[in-house]
Amino acid sequence: TYVASGEPLAVAGAFTVDSLGGWFVESIRG
């Protein structure tokens, strides 16, 4: 579902933390 949104194809690492991918980032250190 996330990949079908198209967002992962436009960003490094195939994820964002500030948009649709934020649901799937559990924590950040730094």
All heavy atoms as atom14 arrays in JSON, in Angstrom:
{
  "sequence": "TYVASGEPLAVAGAFTVDSLGGWFVESIRG",
  "atom14_mask": [
    [1, 1, 1, 1, 1, 1, 1, 0, 0, 0, 0, 0, 0, 0],
    [1, 1, 1, 1, 1, 1, 1, 1, 1, 1, 1, 1, 0, 0],
    [1, 1, 1, 1, 1, 1, 1, 0, 0, 0, 0, 0, 0, 0],
    [1, 1, 1, 1, 1, 0, 0, 0, 0, 0, 0, 0, 0, 0],
    [1, 1, 1, 1, 1, 1, 0, 0, 0, 0, 0, 0, 0, 0],
    [1, 1, 1, 1, 0, 0, 0, 0, 0, 0, 0, 0, 0, 0],
    [1, 1, 1, 1, 1, 1, 1, 1, 1, 0, 0, 0, 0, 0],
    [1, 1, 1, 1, 1, 1, 1, 0, 0, 0, 0, 0, 0, 0],
    [1, 1, 1, 1, 1, 1, 1, 1, 0, 0, 0, 0, 0, 0],
    [1, 1, 1, 1, 1, 0, 0, 0, 0, 0, 0, 0, 0, 0],
    [1, 1, 1, 1, 1, 1, 1, 0, 0, 0, 0, 0, 0, 0],
    [1, 1, 1, 1, 1, 0, 0, 0, 0, 0, 0, 0, 0, 0],
    [1, 1, 1, 1, 0, 0, 0, 0, 0, 0, 0, 0, 0, 0],
    [1, 1, 1, 1, 1, 0, 0, 0, 0, 0, 0, 0, 0, 0],
    [1, 1, 1, 1, 1, 1, 1, 1, 1, 1, 1, 0, 0, 0],
    [1, 1, 1, 1, 1, 1, 1, 0, 0, 0, 0, 0, 0, 0],
    [1, 1, 1, 1, 1, 1, 1, 0, 0, 0, 0, 0, 0, 0],
    [1, 1, 1, 1, 1, 1, 1, 1, 0, 0, 0, 0, 0, 0],
    [1, 1, 1, 1, 1, 1, 0, 0, 0, 0, 0, 0, 0, 0],
    [1, 1, 1, 1, 1, 1, 1, 1, 0, 0, 0, 0, 0, 0],
    [1, 1, 1, 1, 0, 0, 0, 0, 0, 0, 0, 0, 0, 0],
    [1, 1, 1, 1, 0, 0, 0, 0, 0, 0, 0, 0, 0, 0],
    [1, 1, 1, 1, 1, 1, 1, 1, 1, 1, 1, 1, 1, 1],
    [1, 1, 1, 1, 1, 1, 1, 1, 1, 1, 1, 0, 0, 0],
    [1, 1, 1, 1, 1, 1, 1, 0, 0, 0, 0, 0, 0, 0],
    [1, 1, 1, 1, 1, 1, 1, 1, 1, 0, 0, 0, 0, 0],
    [1, 1, 1, 1, 1, 1, 0, 0, 0, 0, 0, 0, 0, 0],
    [1, 1, 1, 1, 1, 1, 1, 1, 0, 0, 0, 0, 0, 0],
    [1, 1, 1, 1, 1, 1, 1, 1, 1, 1, 1, 0, 0, 0],
    [1, 1, 1, 1, 0, 0, 0, 0, 0, 0, 0, 0, 0, 0]
  ],
  "atom14_positions": [
    [[0.83, -1.21, 0.0], [0.0, 0.0, 0.0], [0.86, 1.25, 0.0], [0.6, 2.2, -0.75], [-0.95, 0.0, 1.22], [-1.79, -1.15, 1.14], [-1.8, 1.26, 1.25], [0.0, 0.0, 0.0], [0.0, 0.0, 0.0], [0.0, 0.0, 0.0], [0.0, 0.0, 0.0], [0.0, 0.0, 0.0], [0.0, 0.0, 0.0], [0.0, 0.0, 0.0]],
    [[1.89, 1.26, 0.84], [2.77, 2.43, 0.9], [3.5, 2.64, -0.42], [3.56, 3.75, -0.94], [3.76, 2.3, 2.07], [4.7, 3.47, 2.2], [4.24, 4.78, 2.09], [6.06, 3.27, 2.44], [5.11, 5.86, 2.21], [6.92, 4.34, 2.57], [6.45, 5.64, 2.45], [7.3, 6.7, 2.57], [0.0, 0.0, 0.0], [0.0, 0.0, 0.0]],
    [[4.04, 1.58, -0.98], [4.75, 1.7, -2.26], [3.8, 2.15, -3.37], [4.16, 2.97, -4.22], [5.46, 0.39, -2.62], [6.03, 0.44, -4.04], [6.59, 0.11, -1.61], [0.0, 0.0, 0.0], [0.0, 0.0, 0.0], [0.0, 0.0, 0.0], [0.0, 0.0, 0.0], [0.0, 0.0, 0.0], [0.0, 0.0, 0.0], [0.0, 0.0, 0.0]],
    [[2.55, 1.67, -3.34], [1.57, 2.06, -4.35], [1.25, 3.55, -4.3], [0.81, 4.13, -5.29], [0.29, 1.25, -4.2], [0.0, 0.0, 0.0], [0.0, 0.0, 0.0], [0.0, 0.0, 0.0], [0.0, 0.0, 0.0], [0.0, 0.0, 0.0], [0.0, 0.0, 0.0], [0.0, 0.0, 0.0], [0.0, 0.0, 0.0], [0.0, 0.0, 0.0]],
    [[1.52, 4.2, -3.16], [1.28, 5.65, -3.05], [2.25, 6.43, -3.94], [2.0, 7.59, -4.26], [1.46, 6.11, -1.6], [2.84, 6.16, -1.24], [0.0, 0.0, 0.0], [0.0, 0.0, 0.0], [0.0, 0.0, 0.0], [0.0, 0.0, 0.0], [0.0, 0.0, 0.0], [0.0, 0.0, 0.0], [0.0, 0.0, 0.0], [0.0, 0.0, 0.0]],
    [[3.36, 5.8, -4.32], [4.36, 6.46, -5.15], [5.43, 7.2, -4.38], [6.5, 7.49, -4.9], [0.0, 0.0, 0.0], [0.0, 0.0, 0.0], [0.0, 0.0, 0.0], [0.0, 0.0, 0.0], [0.0, 0.0, 0.0], [0.0, 0.0, 0.0], [0.0, 0.0, 0.0], [0.0, 0.0, 0.0], [0.0, 0.0, 0.0], [0.0, 0.0, 0.0]],
    [[5.15, 7.52, -3.12], [6.1, 8.31, -2.34], [7.48, 7.66, -2.21], [8.51, 8.34, -2.38], [5.53, 8.62, -0.96], [6.45, 9.48, -0.11], [5.87, 9.77, 1.26], [6.05, 8.92, 2.16], [5.25, 10.83, 1.43], [0.0, 0.0, 0.0], [0.0, 0.0, 0.0], [0.0, 0.0, 0.0], [0.0, 0.0, 0.0], [0.0, 0.0, 0.0]],
    [[7.56, 6.36, -1.91], [8.87, 5.75, -1.72], [9.79, 5.83, -2.94], [11.01, 5.76, -2.8], [8.55, 4.29, -1.38], [7.18, 4.32, -0.84], [6.48, 5.4, -1.61], [0.0, 0.0, 0.0], [0.0, 0.0, 0.0], [0.0, 0.0, 0.0], [0.0, 0.0, 0.0], [0.0, 0.0, 0.0], [0.0, 0.0, 0.0], [0.0, 0.0, 0.0]],
    [[9.22, 5.99, -4.13], [10.03, 6.04, -5.34], [10.73, 7.39, -5.52], [11.65, 7.52, -6.33], [9.15, 5.76, -6.57], [8.47, 4.39, -6.57], [7.57, 4.25, -7.79], [9.5, 3.27, -6.53], [0.0, 0.0, 0.0], [0.0, 0.0, 0.0], [0.0, 0.0, 0.0], [0.0, 0.0, 0.0], [0.0, 0.0, 0.0], [0.0, 0.0, 0.0]],
    [[10.3, 8.39, -4.75], [10.82, 9.74, -4.94], [11.79, 10.19, -3.86], [12.29, 11.32, -3.89], [9.66, 10.73, -5.0], [0.0, 0.0, 0.0], [0.0, 0.0, 0.0], [0.0, 0.0, 0.0], [0.0, 0.0, 0.0], [0.0, 0.0, 0.0], [0.0, 0.0, 0.0], [0.0, 0.0, 0.0], [0.0, 0.0, 0.0], [0.0, 0.0, 0.0]],
    [[12.08, 9.29, -2.9], [12.89, 9.71, -1.76], [13.99, 8.7, -1.41], [13.83, 7.51, -1.63], [12.0, 9.96, -0.51], [11.13, 11.19, -0.72], [11.13, 8.75, -0.2], [0.0, 0.0, 0.0], [0.0, 0.0, 0.0], [0.0, 0.0, 0.0], [0.0, 0.0, 0.0], [0.0, 0.0, 0.0], [0.0, 0.0, 0.0], [0.0, 0.0, 0.0]],
    [[15.07, 9.22, -0.86], [16.18, 8.37, -0.44], [15.73, 7.41, 0.65], [15.0, 7.8, 1.57], [17.33, 9.23, 0.08], [0.0, 0.0, 0.0], [0.0, 0.0, 0.0], [0.0, 0.0, 0.0], [0.0, 0.0, 0.0], [0.0, 0.0, 0.0], [0.0, 0.0, 0.0], [0.0, 0.0, 0.0], [0.0, 0.0, 0.0], [0.0, 0.0, 0.0]],
    [[16.14, 6.15, 0.53], [15.77, 5.16, 1.52], [14.36, 4.65, 1.37], [13.92, 3.82, 2.15], [0.0, 0.0, 0.0], [0.0, 0.0, 0.0], [0.0, 0.0, 0.0], [0.0, 0.0, 0.0], [0.0, 0.0, 0.0], [0.0, 0.0, 0.0], [0.0, 0.0, 0.0], [0.0, 0.0, 0.0], [0.0, 0.0, 0.0], [0.0, 0.0, 0.0]],
    [[13.62, 5.15, 0.4], [12.24, 4.73, 0.12], [11.27, 5.06, 1.25], [10.27, 4.39, 1.43], [12.18, 3.24, -0.22], [0.0, 0.0, 0.0], [0.0, 0.0, 0.0], [0.0, 0.0, 0.0], [0.0, 0.0, 0.0], [0.0, 0.0, 0.0], [0.0, 0.0, 0.0], [0.0, 0.0, 0.0], [0.0, 0.0, 0.0], [0.0, 0.0, 0.0]],
    [[11.58, 6.12, 2.03], [10.66, 6.5, 3.11], [10.77, 7.99, 3.41], [11.76, 8.63, 3.09], [10.96, 5.71, 4.39], [12.15, 6.23, 5.16], [11.98, 7.06, 6.25], [13.45, 5.89, 4.78], [13.08, 7.55, 6.96], [14.55, 6.37, 5.47], [14.35, 7.2, 6.57], [0.0, 0.0, 0.0], [0.0, 0.0, 0.0], [0.0, 0.0, 0.0]],
    [[9.72, 8.5, 4.03], [9.75, 9.85, 4.6], [9.39, 9.71, 6.07], [8.76, 8.74, 6.5], [8.71, 10.79, 3.94], [7.41, 10.26, 4.19], [8.96, 10.93, 2.45], [0.0, 0.0, 0.0], [0.0, 0.0, 0.0], [0.0, 0.0, 0.0], [0.0, 0.0, 0.0], [0.0, 0.0, 0.0], [0.0, 0.0, 0.0], [0.0, 0.0, 0.0]],
    [[9.77, 10.71, 6.84], [9.36, 10.76, 8.24], [8.3, 11.83, 8.44], [7.57, 11.83, 9.42], [10.57, 11.0, 9.16], [11.14, 12.41, 9.0], [10.24, 10.73, 10.61], [0.0, 0.0, 0.0], [0.0, 0.0, 0.0], [0.0, 0.0, 0.0], [0.0, 0.0, 0.0], [0.0, 0.0, 0.0], [0.0, 0.0, 0.0], [0.0, 0.0, 0.0]],
    [[8.19, 12.74, 7.48], [7.32, 13.91, 7.61], [6.08, 13.83, 6.72], [5.38, 14.82, 6.55], [8.11, 15.18, 7.3], [8.68, 15.18, 5.9], [8.88, 14.08, 5.33], [8.95, 16.27, 5.36], [0.0, 0.0, 0.0], [0.0, 0.0, 0.0], [0.0, 0.0, 0.0], [0.0, 0.0, 0.0], [0.0, 0.0, 0.0], [0.0, 0.0, 0.0]],
    [[5.81, 12.67, 6.16], [4.67, 12.54, 5.25], [4.07, 11.14, 5.4], [3.95, 10.63, 6.5], [5.14, 12.82, 3.81], [4.05, 12.95, 2.94], [0.0, 0.0, 0.0], [0.0, 0.0, 0.0], [0.0, 0.0, 0.0], [0.0, 0.0, 0.0], [0.0, 0.0, 0.0], [0.0, 0.0, 0.0], [0.0, 0.0, 0.0], [0.0, 0.0, 0.0]],
    [[3.73, 10.5, 4.29], [3.05, 9.2, 4.33], [3.85, 8.1, 5.04], [3.28, 7.2, 5.64], [2.72, 8.73, 2.91], [1.81, 9.66, 2.08], [1.64, 9.09, 0.67], [0.47, 9.85, 2.75], [0.0, 0.0, 0.0], [0.0, 0.0, 0.0], [0.0, 0.0, 0.0], [0.0, 0.0, 0.0], [0.0, 0.0, 0.0], [0.0, 0.0, 0.0]],
    [[5.16, 8.2, 4.97], [6.01, 7.18, 5.6], [6.15, 7.32, 7.1], [6.66, 6.42, 7.77], [0.0, 0.0, 0.0], [0.0, 0.0, 0.0], [0.0, 0.0, 0.0], [0.0, 0.0, 0.0], [0.0, 0.0, 0.0], [0.0, 0.0, 0.0], [0.0, 0.0, 0.0], [0.0, 0.0, 0.0], [0.0, 0.0, 0.0], [0.0, 0.0, 0.0]],
    [[5.69, 8.43, 7.66], [5.82, 8.66, 9.1], [5.16, 7.59, 9.96], [5.59, 7.34, 11.09], [0.0, 0.0, 0.0], [0.0, 0.0, 0.0], [0.0, 0.0, 0.0], [0.0, 0.0, 0.0], [0.0, 0.0, 0.0], [0.0, 0.0, 0.0], [0.0, 0.0, 0.0], [0.0, 0.0, 0.0], [0.0, 0.0, 0.0], [0.0, 0.0, 0.0]],
    [[4.15, 6.92, 9.42], [3.48, 5.84, 10.15], [4.42, 4.68, 10.45], [4.18, 3.89, 11.37], [2.31, 5.3, 9.32], [1.23, 6.28, 9.04], [1.09, 7.04, 7.91], [0.13, 6.62, 9.88], [-0.03, 7.82, 7.99], [-0.64, 7.58, 9.2], [-0.28, 6.19, 11.15], [-1.8, 8.12, 9.74], [-1.43, 6.73, 11.69], [-2.18, 7.68, 10.99]],
    [[5.46, 4.56, 9.65], [6.3, 3.36, 9.7], [7.69, 3.63, 10.28], [8.56, 2.77, 10.2], [6.41, 2.76, 8.3], [5.06, 2.67, 7.61], [4.8, 3.4, 6.47], [4.05, 1.87, 8.14], [3.56, 3.36, 5.86], [2.8, 1.81, 7.53], [2.55, 2.55, 6.38], [0.0, 0.0, 0.0], [0.0, 0.0, 0.0], [0.0, 0.0, 0.0]],
    [[7.89, 4.8, 10.84], [9.16, 5.14, 11.51], [8.89, 5.13, 13.01], [8.2, 6.01, 13.53], [9.68, 6.52, 11.05], [10.94, 6.89, 11.83], [9.97, 6.51, 9.55], [0.0, 0.0, 0.0], [0.0, 0.0, 0.0], [0.0, 0.0, 0.0], [0.0, 0.0, 0.0], [0.0, 0.0, 0.0], [0.0, 0.0, 0.0], [0.0, 0.0, 0.0]],
    [[9.39, 4.13, 13.69], [9.09, 3.97, 15.12], [9.88, 4.92, 15.99], [9.39, 5.4, 17.01], [9.34, 2.53, 15.55], [8.31, 1.57, 15.01], [8.43, 0.18, 15.62], [9.5, -0.15, 16.19], [7.44, -0.57, 15.51], [0.0, 0.0, 0.0], [0.0, 0.0, 0.0], [0.0, 0.0, 0.0], [0.0, 0.0, 0.0], [0.0, 0.0, 0.0]],
    [[11.13, 5.17, 15.62], [11.93, 6.08, 16.43], [13.1, 6.62, 15.62], [13.5, 6.05, 14.61], [12.46, 5.37, 17.69], [13.35, 4.33, 17.34], [0.0, 0.0, 0.0], [0.0, 0.0, 0.0], [0.0, 0.0, 0.0], [0.0, 0.0, 0.0], [0.0, 0.0, 0.0], [0.0, 0.0, 0.0], [0.0, 0.0, 0.0], [0.0, 0.0, 0.0]],
    [[13.61, 7.73, 16.13], [14.76, 8.39, 15.52], [15.74, 8.73, 16.64], [15.32, 9.23, 17.69], [14.34, 9.67, 14.79], [13.53, 9.32, 13.54], [15.54, 10.52, 14.4], [12.95, 10.53, 12.86], [0.0, 0.0, 0.0], [0.0, 0.0, 0.0], [0.0, 0.0, 0.0], [0.0, 0.0, 0.0], [0.0, 0.0, 0.0], [0.0, 0.0, 0.0]],
    [[16.99, 8.46, 16.39], [18.02, 8.84, 17.36], [18.96, 9.81, 16.67], [19.79, 9.4, 15.84], [18.77, 7.6, 17.85], [19.61, 7.86, 19.06], [20.0, 6.54, 19.68], [21.34, 6.66, 20.21], [22.15, 5.65, 20.45], [21.77, 4.44, 20.16], [23.33, 5.84, 20.95], [0.0, 0.0, 0.0], [0.0, 0.0, 0.0], [0.0, 0.0, 0.0]],
    [[18.8, 11.09, 16.98], [19.57, 12.13, 16.32], [18.66, 13.22, 15.82], [17.53, 13.37, 16.28], [0.0, 0.0, 0.0], [0.0, 0.0, 0.0], [0.0, 0.0, 0.0], [0.0, 0.0, 0.0], [0.0, 0.0, 0.0], [0.0, 0.0, 0.0], [0.0, 0.0, 0.0], [0.0, 0.0, 0.0], [0.0, 0.0, 0.0], [0.0, 0.0, 0.0]]
  ]
}
